[in-house]
Structures are given as structure tokens and as C-alpha cells.
């Protein structure tokens, strides 16, 4: 009986020793600015973050289940979280913080080739 309990305690200790501490992951943590849009293209995500200049999708975003982000949809936001690569077409950001931002940054001018219509010269 004592050997069984000792083996169980050792096994449980080994399992706990190899578990990462909360927040101690290899996933890169990042802050991203973009336009938040509801999107169900990726089954793991609830939203997509668009590049504010080109409106091209940049990242899929998933929030905690109890986090209501409806008031941020359609606005330029700053989102913080960890990313992972999944079977989805874009990286998935597990958001831990979101806020509207008034940060304005200049968008680069469009790439122009000779003979392109306006706004190209």
C-alpha cells in the first residue's frame, strides 16, 4: 500500500513538474493595431484583424468566452495577446487585452506602375 501511494505521489509530482507555469509559454506575445471585424472563416476564431491601410486580413483573433467585444467591431483597436499557428490561413491571436486607439499613422502611398489610373501619377 505504501509503495502504491509513493509511486502515485512520484508520478503526480513528475506530471506537475513538466507543466508550464501560467503565462510561461513559448508563444510570442505581441501588440497589434488593426480594424476588428467579426469573422467565422477560421473555426477557432471569432474575429479577424484587418490591416488599417489595405483592409487585408492580418490575424485571426479569439477572445475569452466571457469577453464582450461588440463595441470594438469596425474600429481601429490595439490588441495584445499570444499567437500560434494553426490550420487556419492566418496566425491566431489569443487576445488578453483590447482597446480602441486614436493612434494615427501614415499609410504608404499605393504602388504605381507607368500607365496606372489615378490616384497614381
C-alpha atoms as a PDB file:
ATOM      1  CA  UNK A   1       0.000   0.000   0.000  1.00  0.00           C
ATOM      2  CA  UNK A   2       2.801   2.440   0.919  1.00  0.00           C
ATOM      3  CA  UNK A   3       4.633   1.581  -2.318  1.00  0.00           C
ATOM      4  CA  UNK A   4       1.465   2.319  -4.331  1.00  0.00           C
ATOM      5  CA  UNK A   5       0.980   5.679  -2.614  1.00  0.00           C
ATOM      6  CA  UNK A   6       4.671   6.555  -3.072  1.00  0.00           C
ATOM      7  CA  UNK A   7       4.518   5.649  -6.768  1.00  0.00           C
ATOM      8  CA  UNK A   8       1.347   7.739  -7.170  1.00  0.00           C
ATOM      9  CA  UNK A   9       2.948  10.749  -5.435  1.00  0.00           C
ATOM     10  CA  UNK A  10       6.088  10.463  -7.582  1.00  0.00           C
ATOM     11  CA  UNK A  11       4.017  10.183 -10.772  1.00  0.00           C
ATOM     12  CA  UNK A  12       1.868  13.170  -9.802  1.00  0.00           C
ATOM     13  CA  UNK A  13       4.990  15.198  -8.957  1.00  0.00           C
ATOM     14  CA  UNK A  14       6.544  14.359 -12.317  1.00  0.00           C
ATOM     15  CA  UNK A  15       3.386  15.411 -14.151  1.00  0.00           C
ATOM     16  CA  UNK A  16       3.222  18.722 -12.292  1.00  0.00           C
ATOM     17  CA  UNK A  17       6.941  19.384 -12.743  1.00  0.00           C
ATOM     18  CA  UNK A  18       6.653  19.290 -16.526  1.00  0.00           C
ATOM     19  CA  UNK A  19       3.570  21.510 -16.778  1.00  0.00           C
ATOM     20  CA  UNK A  20       4.290  25.115 -17.844  1.00  0.00           C
ATOM     21  CA  UNK A  21       3.541  27.787 -15.277  1.00  0.00           C
ATOM     22  CA  UNK A  22       0.627  30.070 -16.117  1.00  0.00           C
ATOM     23  CA  UNK A  23       1.855  32.629 -18.632  1.00  0.00           C
ATOM     24  CA  UNK A  24       5.127  30.752 -19.111  1.00  0.00           C
ATOM     25  CA  UNK A  25       4.776  29.704 -22.739  1.00  0.00           C
ATOM     26  CA  UNK A  26       6.924  29.876 -25.821  1.00  0.00           C
ATOM     27  CA  UNK A  27       4.169  31.646 -27.747  1.00  0.00           C
ATOM     28  CA  UNK A  28       5.253  35.130 -28.834  1.00  0.00           C
ATOM     29  CA  UNK A  29       3.368  37.923 -27.090  1.00  0.00           C
ATOM     30  CA  UNK A  30       2.533  40.865 -29.301  1.00  0.00           C
ATOM     31  CA  UNK A  31       0.637  44.145 -29.549  1.00  0.00           C
ATOM     32  CA  UNK A  32      -1.146  44.675 -32.862  1.00  0.00           C
ATOM     33  CA  UNK A  33      -3.140  47.579 -34.277  1.00  0.00           C
ATOM     34  CA  UNK A  34      -5.864  46.993 -36.836  1.00  0.00           C
ATOM     35  CA  UNK A  35      -9.563  47.137 -37.637  1.00  0.00           C
ATOM     36  CA  UNK A  36     -11.584  44.495 -35.757  1.00  0.00           C
ATOM     37  CA  UNK A  37     -14.233  42.677 -37.811  1.00  0.00           C
ATOM     38  CA  UNK A  38     -16.455  39.709 -36.935  1.00  0.00           C
ATOM     39  CA  UNK A  39     -15.419  36.674 -38.965  1.00  0.00           C
ATOM     40  CA  UNK A  40     -16.119  32.945 -38.848  1.00  0.00           C
ATOM     41  CA  UNK A  41     -13.710  31.874 -41.614  1.00  0.00           C
ATOM     42  CA  UNK A  42     -11.433  30.205 -39.059  1.00  0.00           C
ATOM     43  CA  UNK A  43     -13.377  27.839 -36.767  1.00  0.00           C
ATOM     44  CA  UNK A  44     -11.002  28.651 -33.879  1.00  0.00           C
ATOM     45  CA  UNK A  45     -11.540  32.437 -34.077  1.00  0.00           C
ATOM     46  CA  UNK A  46     -14.423  34.843 -33.638  1.00  0.00           C
ATOM     47  CA  UNK A  47     -12.879  37.879 -35.326  1.00  0.00           C
ATOM     48  CA  UNK A  48     -10.253  38.972 -37.807  1.00  0.00           C
ATOM     49  CA  UNK A  49      -7.962  41.957 -37.531  1.00  0.00           C
ATOM     50  CA  UNK A  50      -7.575  43.918 -40.776  1.00  0.00           C
ATOM     51  CA  UNK A  51      -4.580  45.984 -41.813  1.00  0.00           C
ATOM     52  CA  UNK A  52      -5.793  49.590 -41.318  1.00  0.00           C
ATOM     53  CA  UNK A  53      -4.242  50.770 -44.608  1.00  0.00           C
ATOM     54  CA  UNK A  54      -5.101  47.982 -47.022  1.00  0.00           C
ATOM     55  CA  UNK A  55      -8.045  46.377 -45.191  1.00  0.00           C
ATOM     56  CA  UNK A  56      -6.420  43.000 -45.908  1.00  0.00           C
ATOM     57  CA  UNK A  57      -6.828  40.341 -43.173  1.00  0.00           C
ATOM     58  CA  UNK A  58      -3.747  40.214 -40.949  1.00  0.00           C
ATOM     59  CA  UNK A  59      -4.620  37.938 -37.978  1.00  0.00           C
ATOM     60  CA  UNK A  60      -7.472  35.853 -36.685  1.00  0.00           C
ATOM     61  CA  UNK A  61      -8.424  36.795 -33.135  1.00  0.00           C
ATOM     62  CA  UNK A  62     -10.109  34.824 -30.364  1.00  0.00           C
ATOM     63  CA  UNK A  63     -11.210  36.356 -27.069  1.00  0.00           C
ATOM     64  CA  UNK A  64     -12.063  34.782 -23.736  1.00  0.00           C
ATOM     65  CA  UNK A  65     -15.635  33.421 -23.822  1.00  0.00           C
ATOM     66  CA  UNK A  66     -16.938  35.944 -21.266  1.00  0.00           C
ATOM     67  CA  UNK A  67     -15.352  38.950 -23.029  1.00  0.00           C
ATOM     68  CA  UNK A  68     -17.824  41.099 -24.993  1.00  0.00           C
ATOM     69  CA  UNK A  69     -16.046  42.989 -27.780  1.00  0.00           C
ATOM     70  CA  UNK A  70     -19.046  44.080 -29.851  1.00  0.00           C
ATOM     71  CA  UNK A  71     -18.366  47.757 -29.095  1.00  0.00           C
ATOM     72  CA  UNK A  72     -14.926  47.460 -30.766  1.00  0.00           C
ATOM     73  CA  UNK A  73     -16.113  45.932 -34.067  1.00  0.00           C
ATOM     74  CA  UNK A  74     -15.432  48.232 -37.017  1.00  0.00           C
ATOM     75  CA  UNK A  75     -12.954  50.429 -35.140  1.00  0.00           C
ATOM     76  CA  UNK A  76      -9.178  50.654 -35.119  1.00  0.00           C
ATOM     77  CA  UNK A  77      -8.077  48.834 -31.992  1.00  0.00           C
ATOM     78  CA  UNK A  78      -4.926  47.808 -30.183  1.00  0.00           C
ATOM     79  CA  UNK A  79      -4.958  44.111 -29.269  1.00  0.00           C
ATOM     80  CA  UNK A  80      -2.457  42.284 -27.050  1.00  0.00           C
ATOM     81  CA  UNK A  81      -2.060  38.534 -26.840  1.00  0.00           C
ATOM     82  CA  UNK A  82      -0.107  35.460 -27.787  1.00  0.00           C
ATOM     83  CA  UNK A  83      -0.020  33.990 -31.254  1.00  0.00           C
ATOM     84  CA  UNK A  84       0.002  30.481 -32.563  1.00  0.00           C
ATOM     85  CA  UNK A  85      -0.012  28.935 -35.993  1.00  0.00           C
ATOM     86  CA  UNK A  86      -2.970  26.627 -36.605  1.00  0.00           C
ATOM     87  CA  UNK A  87      -4.693  25.067 -39.584  1.00  0.00           C
ATOM     88  CA  UNK A  88      -6.239  28.484 -40.319  1.00  0.00           C
ATOM     89  CA  UNK A  89      -4.833  30.582 -43.159  1.00  0.00           C
ATOM     90  CA  UNK A  90      -3.550  33.324 -40.824  1.00  0.00           C
ATOM     91  CA  UNK A  91      -1.913  33.208 -37.391  1.00  0.00           C
ATOM     92  CA  UNK A  92      -4.339  33.068 -34.444  1.00  0.00           C
ATOM     93  CA  UNK A  93      -4.033  35.710 -31.728  1.00  0.00           C
ATOM     94  CA  UNK A  94      -5.339  34.709 -28.280  1.00  0.00           C
ATOM     95  CA  UNK A  95      -6.294  38.197 -27.107  1.00  0.00           C
ATOM     96  CA  UNK A  96      -5.815  39.179 -23.487  1.00  0.00           C
ATOM     97  CA  UNK A  97      -6.451  42.915 -23.900  1.00  0.00           C
ATOM     98  CA  UNK A  98      -8.259  45.166 -26.382  1.00  0.00           C
ATOM     99  CA  UNK A  99      -8.697  48.942 -26.504  1.00  0.00           C
ATOM    100  CA  UNK A 100      -9.769  51.490 -29.082  1.00  0.00           C
ATOM    101  CA  UNK A 101      -6.888  53.593 -30.242  1.00  0.00           C
ATOM    102  CA  UNK A 102      -6.623  57.107 -31.572  1.00  0.00           C
ATOM    103  CA  UNK A 103      -3.134  56.377 -32.806  1.00  0.00           C
ATOM    104  CA  UNK A 104      -2.934  57.523 -36.415  1.00  0.00           C
ATOM    105  CA  UNK A 105      -0.112  56.508 -38.643  1.00  0.00           C
ATOM    106  CA  UNK A 106       0.512  57.353 -42.272  1.00  0.00           C
ATOM    107  CA  UNK A 107      -0.291  54.676 -44.804  1.00  0.00           C
ATOM    108  CA  UNK A 108       2.263  54.212 -47.558  1.00  0.00           C
ATOM    109  CA  UNK A 109       1.330  55.544 -50.993  1.00  0.00           C
ATOM    110  CA  UNK A 110      -0.011  52.978 -53.450  1.00  0.00           C
ATOM    111  CA  UNK A 111       2.481  51.127 -55.607  1.00  0.00           C
ATOM    112  CA  UNK A 112       2.256  52.629 -59.068  1.00  0.00           C
ATOM    113  CA  UNK A 113       3.398  51.417 -62.451  1.00  0.00           C
ATOM    114  CA  UNK A 114       3.598  53.578 -65.560  1.00  0.00           C
ATOM    115  CA  UNK A 115       0.160  53.965 -67.082  1.00  0.00           C
ATOM    116  CA  UNK A 116      -1.818  53.086 -63.912  1.00  0.00           C
ATOM    117  CA  UNK A 117      -5.050  55.062 -63.431  1.00  0.00           C
ATOM    118  CA  UNK A 118      -5.385  57.704 -60.679  1.00  0.00           C
ATOM    119  CA  UNK A 119      -4.509  58.050 -57.820  1.00  0.00           C
ATOM    120  CA  UNK A 120      -1.216  57.058 -59.444  1.00  0.00           C
ATOM    121  CA  UNK A 121       0.659  59.841 -61.252  1.00  0.00           C
END
